[in-house]
């Protein structure tokens, strides 16, 4: 296995943007594990199923391929909410573990971001980051990004808090900071400042692993 970077954190913390930029900087493929759950949710809804039907969701997860993640419709707010509901099912999470580990096992390594990458999927990752920010800061970011200007900041904040509670409260693989993950709070950081901090964390891990410290 090559050099693996695991990035976890709550919704709208900036972990997806950081994962993409770290992948580009270090020449590593990137997997947004949230897209897996969004794709499962989309498949279930598309088939007329219910997101609360664990068997239907697990079946969709087992049939999923990484090629199913290119649909731009997966990145809508509605799919984000649906993914959070699907992710509480233990059998869905179990069905998706293999695909995530296989992605990470390829040379020269990979960057994976999600909720349980450093704790469950890749506990032995070379570099682990837990990216967070205050709920208010995350809601403000999400609100600025949304194309739906009918949504108020207060509604977006309520959605963020609801997703946090669901992610942190589920029985299987709840959102947690791994004991050896470096905390990166982006509340008061620009994306460039956050990336600089993340890059330095990864370069330190690369130096410890003997993988070198040069990024592009």
C-alpha atoms as a PDB file:
ATOM      1  CA  UNK A   1       0.000   0.000   0.000  1.00  0.00           C
ATOM      2  CA  UNK A   2       1.215   3.504  -0.822  1.00  0.00           C
ATOM      3  CA  UNK A   3       0.900   6.648   1.259  1.00  0.00           C
ATOM      4  CA  UNK A   4      -2.652   7.035   2.580  1.00  0.00           C
ATOM      5  CA  UNK A   5      -4.280  10.183   3.943  1.00  0.00           C
ATOM      6  CA  UNK A   6      -7.490   9.877   5.980  1.00  0.00           C
ATOM      7  CA  UNK A   7      -9.599  12.997   6.506  1.00  0.00           C
ATOM      8  CA  UNK A   8     -12.671  12.993   8.714  1.00  0.00           C
ATOM      9  CA  UNK A   9     -14.993  15.692   9.949  1.00  0.00           C
ATOM     10  CA  UNK A  10     -18.556  16.976  10.030  1.00  0.00           C
ATOM     11  CA  UNK A  11     -20.550  18.406   7.148  1.00  0.00           C
ATOM     12  CA  UNK A  12     -19.265  21.634   5.551  1.00  0.00           C
ATOM     13  CA  UNK A  13     -16.048  21.639   7.564  1.00  0.00           C
ATOM     14  CA  UNK A  14     -13.969  21.953   4.389  1.00  0.00           C
ATOM     15  CA  UNK A  15     -12.634  18.402   4.397  1.00  0.00           C
ATOM     16  CA  UNK A  16     -13.721  17.695   0.815  1.00  0.00           C
ATOM     17  CA  UNK A  17     -11.956  20.755  -0.559  1.00  0.00           C
ATOM     18  CA  UNK A  18      -8.839  19.953   1.456  1.00  0.00           C
ATOM     19  CA  UNK A  19      -8.896  16.333   0.282  1.00  0.00           C
ATOM     20  CA  UNK A  20      -9.034  17.455  -3.352  1.00  0.00           C
ATOM     21  CA  UNK A  21      -6.209  19.940  -2.919  1.00  0.00           C
ATOM     22  CA  UNK A  22      -4.034  17.475  -1.012  1.00  0.00           C
ATOM     23  CA  UNK A  23      -4.617  14.877  -3.701  1.00  0.00           C
ATOM     24  CA  UNK A  24      -3.472  17.342  -6.334  1.00  0.00           C
ATOM     25  CA  UNK A  25      -0.471  18.467  -4.292  1.00  0.00           C
ATOM     26  CA  UNK A  26       0.800  14.959  -3.581  1.00  0.00           C
ATOM     27  CA  UNK A  27      -0.301  13.257  -6.791  1.00  0.00           C
ATOM     28  CA  UNK A  28      -2.820  10.943  -5.134  1.00  0.00           C
ATOM     29  CA  UNK A  29      -6.318   9.898  -6.214  1.00  0.00           C
ATOM     30  CA  UNK A  30      -9.141  11.126  -3.998  1.00  0.00           C
ATOM     31  CA  UNK A  31     -12.280   9.349  -2.811  1.00  0.00           C
ATOM     32  CA  UNK A  32     -15.083  11.333  -1.230  1.00  0.00           C
ATOM     33  CA  UNK A  33     -16.706   8.510   0.717  1.00  0.00           C
ATOM     34  CA  UNK A  34     -19.839  10.592   1.174  1.00  0.00           C
ATOM     35  CA  UNK A  35     -20.559  10.106  -2.512  1.00  0.00           C
ATOM     36  CA  UNK A  36     -20.888   6.376  -1.869  1.00  0.00           C
ATOM     37  CA  UNK A  37     -23.744   6.974   0.546  1.00  0.00           C
ATOM     38  CA  UNK A  38     -25.301   9.569  -1.730  1.00  0.00           C
ATOM     39  CA  UNK A  39     -25.199   7.077  -4.612  1.00  0.00           C
ATOM     40  CA  UNK A  40     -26.821   4.415  -2.456  1.00  0.00           C
ATOM     41  CA  UNK A  41     -29.564   6.832  -1.443  1.00  0.00           C
ATOM     42  CA  UNK A  42     -30.146   7.901  -5.046  1.00  0.00           C
ATOM     43  CA  UNK A  43     -30.395   4.288  -6.195  1.00  0.00           C
ATOM     44  CA  UNK A  44     -32.895   3.439  -3.479  1.00  0.00           C
ATOM     45  CA  UNK A  45     -35.058   6.487  -4.125  1.00  0.00           C
ATOM     46  CA  UNK A  46     -34.842   5.915  -7.879  1.00  0.00           C
ATOM     47  CA  UNK A  47     -36.148   2.384  -7.389  1.00  0.00           C
ATOM     48  CA  UNK A  48     -39.062   3.645  -5.323  1.00  0.00           C
ATOM     49  CA  UNK A  49     -37.639   2.336  -2.059  1.00  0.00           C
ATOM     50  CA  UNK A  50     -37.532   3.920   1.379  1.00  0.00           C
ATOM     51  CA  UNK A  51     -34.338   5.199   2.966  1.00  0.00           C
ATOM     52  CA  UNK A  52     -35.455   3.607   6.231  1.00  0.00           C
ATOM     53  CA  UNK A  53     -35.510   0.156   4.564  1.00  0.00           C
ATOM     54  CA  UNK A  54     -32.117  -1.181   5.602  1.00  0.00           C
ATOM     55  CA  UNK A  55     -32.323  -4.271   3.401  1.00  0.00           C
ATOM     56  CA  UNK A  56     -33.044  -2.218   0.283  1.00  0.00           C
ATOM     57  CA  UNK A  57     -30.245   0.207   1.115  1.00  0.00           C
ATOM     58  CA  UNK A  58     -27.769  -2.610   1.762  1.00  0.00           C
ATOM     59  CA  UNK A  59     -28.676  -4.212  -1.560  1.00  0.00           C
ATOM     60  CA  UNK A  60     -28.005  -0.948  -3.362  1.00  0.00           C
ATOM     61  CA  UNK A  61     -24.688  -0.611  -1.516  1.00  0.00           C
ATOM     62  CA  UNK A  62     -23.580  -4.087  -2.539  1.00  0.00           C
ATOM     63  CA  UNK A  63     -24.395  -3.328  -6.191  1.00  0.00           C
ATOM     64  CA  UNK A  64     -22.569  -0.003  -6.206  1.00  0.00           C
ATOM     65  CA  UNK A  65     -19.420   0.590  -8.256  1.00  0.00           C
ATOM     66  CA  UNK A  66     -17.073   3.567  -8.119  1.00  0.00           C
ATOM     67  CA  UNK A  67     -18.199   4.411 -11.628  1.00  0.00           C
ATOM     68  CA  UNK A  68     -21.585   5.354 -10.165  1.00  0.00           C
ATOM     69  CA  UNK A  69     -20.089   8.387  -8.417  1.00  0.00           C
ATOM     70  CA  UNK A  70     -19.789  10.724 -11.401  1.00  0.00           C
ATOM     71  CA  UNK A  71     -23.440  11.807 -11.423  1.00  0.00           C
ATOM     72  CA  UNK A  72     -23.531  15.567 -10.609  1.00  0.00           C
ATOM     73  CA  UNK A  73     -26.959  15.008  -9.073  1.00  0.00           C
ATOM     74  CA  UNK A  74     -25.260  13.329  -6.124  1.00  0.00           C
ATOM     75  CA  UNK A  75     -23.958  16.675  -4.877  1.00  0.00           C
ATOM     76  CA  UNK A  76     -27.296  18.300  -4.161  1.00  0.00           C
ATOM     77  CA  UNK A  77     -28.373  19.248  -0.643  1.00  0.00           C
ATOM     78  CA  UNK A  78     -31.233  16.756  -0.864  1.00  0.00           C
ATOM     79  CA  UNK A  79     -28.830  13.906  -1.594  1.00  0.00           C
ATOM     80  CA  UNK A  80     -26.628  15.012   1.295  1.00  0.00           C
ATOM     81  CA  UNK A  81     -29.564  14.708   3.675  1.00  0.00           C
ATOM     82  CA  UNK A  82     -30.566  11.363   2.132  1.00  0.00           C
ATOM     83  CA  UNK A  83     -27.021  10.045   2.473  1.00  0.00           C
ATOM     84  CA  UNK A  84     -26.992  10.914   6.166  1.00  0.00           C
ATOM     85  CA  UNK A  85     -30.147   8.851   6.622  1.00  0.00           C
ATOM     86  CA  UNK A  86     -28.743   5.890   4.701  1.00  0.00           C
ATOM     87  CA  UNK A  87     -25.440   5.997   6.583  1.00  0.00           C
ATOM     88  CA  UNK A  88     -27.043   4.998   9.888  1.00  0.00           C
ATOM     89  CA  UNK A  89     -27.605   1.450   8.572  1.00  0.00           C
ATOM     90  CA  UNK A  90     -24.860  -0.891   9.790  1.00  0.00           C
ATOM     91  CA  UNK A  91     -25.241  -3.261   6.833  1.00  0.00           C
ATOM     92  CA  UNK A  92     -24.812  -0.384   4.366  1.00  0.00           C
ATOM     93  CA  UNK A  93     -21.590   0.729   6.034  1.00  0.00           C
ATOM     94  CA  UNK A  94     -20.337  -2.868   6.086  1.00  0.00           C
ATOM     95  CA  UNK A  95     -21.095  -3.292   2.386  1.00  0.00           C
ATOM     96  CA  UNK A  96     -19.027  -0.215   1.470  1.00  0.00           C
ATOM     97  CA  UNK A  97     -15.922  -0.955   3.545  1.00  0.00           C
ATOM     98  CA  UNK A  98     -14.302  -3.170   0.919  1.00  0.00           C
ATOM     99  CA  UNK A  99     -14.560  -0.624  -1.897  1.00  0.00           C
ATOM    100  CA  UNK A 100     -13.004   2.081   0.243  1.00  0.00           C
ATOM    101  CA  UNK A 101     -10.120  -0.086   1.410  1.00  0.00           C
ATOM    102  CA  UNK A 102      -9.495  -1.318  -2.124  1.00  0.00           C
ATOM    103  CA  UNK A 103      -9.300   2.278  -3.353  1.00  0.00           C
ATOM    104  CA  UNK A 104      -6.751   3.095  -0.652  1.00  0.00           C
ATOM    105  CA  UNK A 105      -4.676  -0.014  -1.359  1.00  0.00           C
ATOM    106  CA  UNK A 106      -3.678   1.046  -4.867  1.00  0.00           C
ATOM    107  CA  UNK A 107      -0.291   2.580  -5.578  1.00  0.00           C
ATOM    108  CA  UNK A 108       0.884   5.254  -5.012  1.00  0.00           C
ATOM    109  CA  UNK A 109      -1.716   5.664  -2.258  1.00  0.00           C
ATOM    110  CA  UNK A 110      -4.831   7.769  -1.882  1.00  0.00           C
ATOM    111  CA  UNK A 111      -6.722  10.454  -0.025  1.00  0.00           C
ATOM    112  CA  UNK A 112     -10.072   9.463   1.468  1.00  0.00           C
ATOM    113  CA  UNK A 113     -12.448  11.776   3.273  1.00  0.00           C
ATOM    114  CA  UNK A 114     -15.561  10.995   5.244  1.00  0.00           C
ATOM    115  CA  UNK A 115     -16.825  10.388   8.761  1.00  0.00           C
ATOM    116  CA  UNK A 116     -15.115   7.123   9.766  1.00  0.00           C
ATOM    117  CA  UNK A 117     -12.036   6.874   7.557  1.00  0.00           C
ATOM    118  CA  UNK A 118      -9.441   7.197  10.316  1.00  0.00           C
ATOM    119  CA  UNK A 119     -11.419   5.264  12.905  1.00  0.00           C
ATOM    120  CA  UNK A 120     -12.908   2.336  10.943  1.00  0.00           C
ATOM    121  CA  UNK A 121     -11.969   2.212   7.272  1.00  0.00           C
ATOM    122  CA  UNK A 122      -8.246   2.979   7.472  1.00  0.00           C
ATOM    123  CA  UNK A 123      -7.140   2.956  11.120  1.00  0.00           C
ATOM    124  CA  UNK A 124      -3.514   2.540   9.985  1.00  0.00           C
ATOM    125  CA  UNK A 125      -3.514   5.468   7.539  1.00  0.00           C
ATOM    126  CA  UNK A 126      -0.161   7.251   7.281  1.00  0.00           C
ATOM    127  CA  UNK A 127      -1.672  10.689   7.909  1.00  0.00           C
ATOM    128  CA  UNK A 128      -4.920  11.418   9.719  1.00  0.00           C
ATOM    129  CA  UNK A 129      -6.687  14.749   9.936  1.00  0.00           C
ATOM    130  CA  UNK A 130      -9.900  15.629  11.714  1.00  0.00           C
ATOM    131  CA  UNK A 131     -11.212  18.775  10.060  1.00  0.00           C
ATOM    132  CA  UNK A 132     -13.863  20.737  11.907  1.00  0.00           C
ATOM    133  CA  UNK A 133     -15.335  24.213  12.391  1.00  0.00           C
ATOM    134  CA  UNK A 134     -18.094  25.739  14.471  1.00  0.00           C
ATOM    135  CA  UNK A 135     -21.616  24.859  13.396  1.00  0.00           C
ATOM    136  CA  UNK A 136     -22.268  28.535  12.703  1.00  0.00           C
ATOM    137  CA  UNK A 137     -19.233  28.854  10.425  1.00  0.00           C
ATOM    138  CA  UNK A 138     -20.135  25.671   8.582  1.00  0.00           C
ATOM    139  CA  UNK A 139     -23.717  26.802   8.116  1.00  0.00           C
ATOM    140  CA  UNK A 140     -22.557  30.166   6.755  1.00  0.00           C
ATOM    141  CA  UNK A 141     -20.312  28.410   4.229  1.00  0.00           C
ATOM    142  CA  UNK A 142     -23.038  26.026   3.144  1.00  0.00           C
ATOM    143  CA  UNK A 143     -25.537  28.862   2.821  1.00  0.00           C
ATOM    144  CA  UNK A 144     -23.144  30.919   0.666  1.00  0.00           C
ATOM    145  CA  UNK A 145     -22.553  27.887  -1.562  1.00  0.00           C
ATOM    146  CA  UNK A 146     -26.176  26.906  -2.029  1.00  0.00           C
ATOM    147  CA  UNK A 147     -27.931  27.780  -5.253  1.00  0.00           C
ATOM    148  CA  UNK A 148     -31.247  27.719  -3.407  1.00  0.00           C
ATOM    149  CA  UNK A 149     -31.521  31.250  -2.073  1.00  0.00           C
ATOM    150  CA  UNK A 150     -34.958  30.416  -0.691  1.00  0.00           C
ATOM    151  CA  UNK A 151     -33.130  28.576   2.087  1.00  0.00           C
ATOM    152  CA  UNK A 152     -32.375  30.840   5.031  1.00  0.00           C
ATOM    153  CA  UNK A 153     -29.173  30.742   7.046  1.00  0.00           C
ATOM    154  CA  UNK A 154     -31.244  29.584  10.033  1.00  0.00           C
ATOM    155  CA  UNK A 155     -32.635  26.658   8.041  1.00  0.00           C
ATOM    156  CA  UNK A 156     -29.158  25.658   6.874  1.00  0.00           C
ATOM    157  CA  UNK A 157     -27.842  25.844  10.458  1.00  0.00           C
ATOM    158  CA  UNK A 158     -30.697  23.654  11.656  1.00  0.00           C
ATOM    159  CA  UNK A 159     -29.863  21.133   8.932  1.00  0.00           C
ATOM    160  CA  UNK A 160     -26.179  21.153   9.921  1.00  0.00           C
ATOM    161  CA  UNK A 161     -27.046  20.532  13.578  1.00  0.00           C
ATOM    162  CA  UNK A 162     -29.471  17.760  12.621  1.00  0.00           C
ATOM    163  CA  UNK A 163     -26.820  16.020  10.504  1.00  0.00           C
ATOM    164  CA  UNK A 164     -24.210  16.411  13.251  1.00  0.00           C
ATOM    165  CA  UNK A 165     -26.540  14.749  15.748  1.00  0.00           C
ATOM    166  CA  UNK A 166     -27.264  11.889  13.345  1.00  0.00           C
ATOM    167  CA  UNK A 167     -23.596  11.378  12.424  1.00  0.00           C
ATOM    168  CA  UNK A 168     -22.364  11.511  16.015  1.00  0.00           C
ATOM    169  CA  UNK A 169     -25.232   9.526  17.483  1.00  0.00           C
ATOM    170  CA  UNK A 170     -25.445   6.503  15.202  1.00  0.00           C
ATOM    171  CA  UNK A 171     -24.524   3.172  16.760  1.00  0.00           C
ATOM    172  CA  UNK A 172     -22.269   1.992  13.930  1.00  0.00           C
ATOM    173  CA  UNK A 173     -19.143   4.016  13.091  1.00  0.00           C
ATOM    174  CA  UNK A 174     -20.226   7.336  14.597  1.00  0.00           C
ATOM    175  CA  UNK A 175     -18.351  10.493  13.692  1.00  0.00           C
ATOM    176  CA  UNK A 176     -15.367  10.587  16.048  1.00  0.00           C
ATOM    177  CA  UNK A 177     -11.854  11.991  15.974  1.00  0.00           C
ATOM    178  CA  UNK A 178      -9.350   9.126  15.905  1.00  0.00           C
ATOM    179  CA  UNK A 179      -6.944   9.334  18.857  1.00  0.00           C
ATOM    180  CA  UNK A 180      -3.999   9.835  16.498  1.00  0.00           C
ATOM    181  CA  UNK A 181      -5.720  12.271  14.124  1.00  0.00           C
ATOM    182  CA  UNK A 182      -4.462  15.845  14.020  1.00  0.00           C
ATOM    183  CA  UNK A 183      -7.237  18.342  14.745  1.00  0.00           C
ATOM    184  CA  UNK A 184      -7.580  21.127  12.184  1.00  0.00           C
ATOM    185  CA  UNK A 185     -10.175  23.748  13.136  1.00  0.00           C
ATOM    186  CA  UNK A 186     -11.004  25.820  10.071  1.00  0.00           C
ATOM    187  CA  UNK A 187     -13.505  28.171  11.740  1.00  0.00           C
ATOM    188  CA  UNK A 188     -11.299  31.228  11.339  1.00  0.00           C
ATOM    189  CA  UNK A 189      -9.169  30.031   8.415  1.00  0.00           C
ATOM    190  CA  UNK A 190      -9.398  30.851   4.728  1.00  0.00           C
ATOM    191  CA  UNK A 191      -9.280  27.838   2.442  1.00  0.00           C
ATOM    192  CA  UNK A 192      -5.685  28.699   1.515  1.00  0.00           C
ATOM    193  CA  UNK A 193      -4.657  28.930   5.165  1.00  0.00           C
ATOM    194  CA  UNK A 194      -6.453  25.675   5.958  1.00  0.00           C
ATOM    195  CA  UNK A 195      -4.754  23.954   3.028  1.00  0.00           C
ATOM    196  CA  UNK A 196      -1.333  25.235   4.105  1.00  0.00           C
ATOM    197  CA  UNK A 197      -1.905  23.814   7.588  1.00  0.00           C
ATOM    198  CA  UNK A 198      -3.155  20.488   6.186  1.00  0.00           C
ATOM    199  CA  UNK A 199      -0.209  20.264   3.780  1.00  0.00           C
ATOM    200  CA  UNK A 200       2.250  20.758   6.615  1.00  0.00           C
ATOM    201  CA  UNK A 201       0.534  18.032   8.652  1.00  0.00           C
ATOM    202  CA  UNK A 202       0.787  15.621   5.727  1.00  0.00           C
ATOM    203  CA  UNK A 203       4.386  16.516   4.948  1.00  0.00           C
ATOM    204  CA  UNK A 204       5.342  15.818   8.564  1.00  0.00           C
ATOM    205  CA  UNK A 205       3.639  12.421   8.317  1.00  0.00           C
ATOM    206  CA  UNK A 206       5.420  11.697   5.033  1.00  0.00           C
ATOM    207  CA  UNK A 207       8.746  12.530   6.636  1.00  0.00           C
ATOM    208  CA  UNK A 208       8.019  10.142   9.510  1.00  0.00           C
ATOM    209  CA  UNK A 209       7.028   7.385   7.091  1.00  0.00           C
ATOM    210  CA  UNK A 210      10.080   7.896   4.886  1.00  0.00           C
ATOM    211  CA  UNK A 211       7.910   8.838   1.898  1.00  0.00           C
ATOM    212  CA  UNK A 212       9.622  12.209   1.467  1.00  0.00           C
ATOM    213  CA  UNK A 213       8.294  15.707   1.912  1.00  0.00           C
ATOM    214  CA  UNK A 214       7.994  17.158  -1.572  1.00  0.00           C
ATOM    215  CA  UNK A 215       4.596  18.268  -2.837  1.00  0.00           C
ATOM    216  CA  UNK A 216       3.888  19.691  -6.252  1.00  0.00           C
END
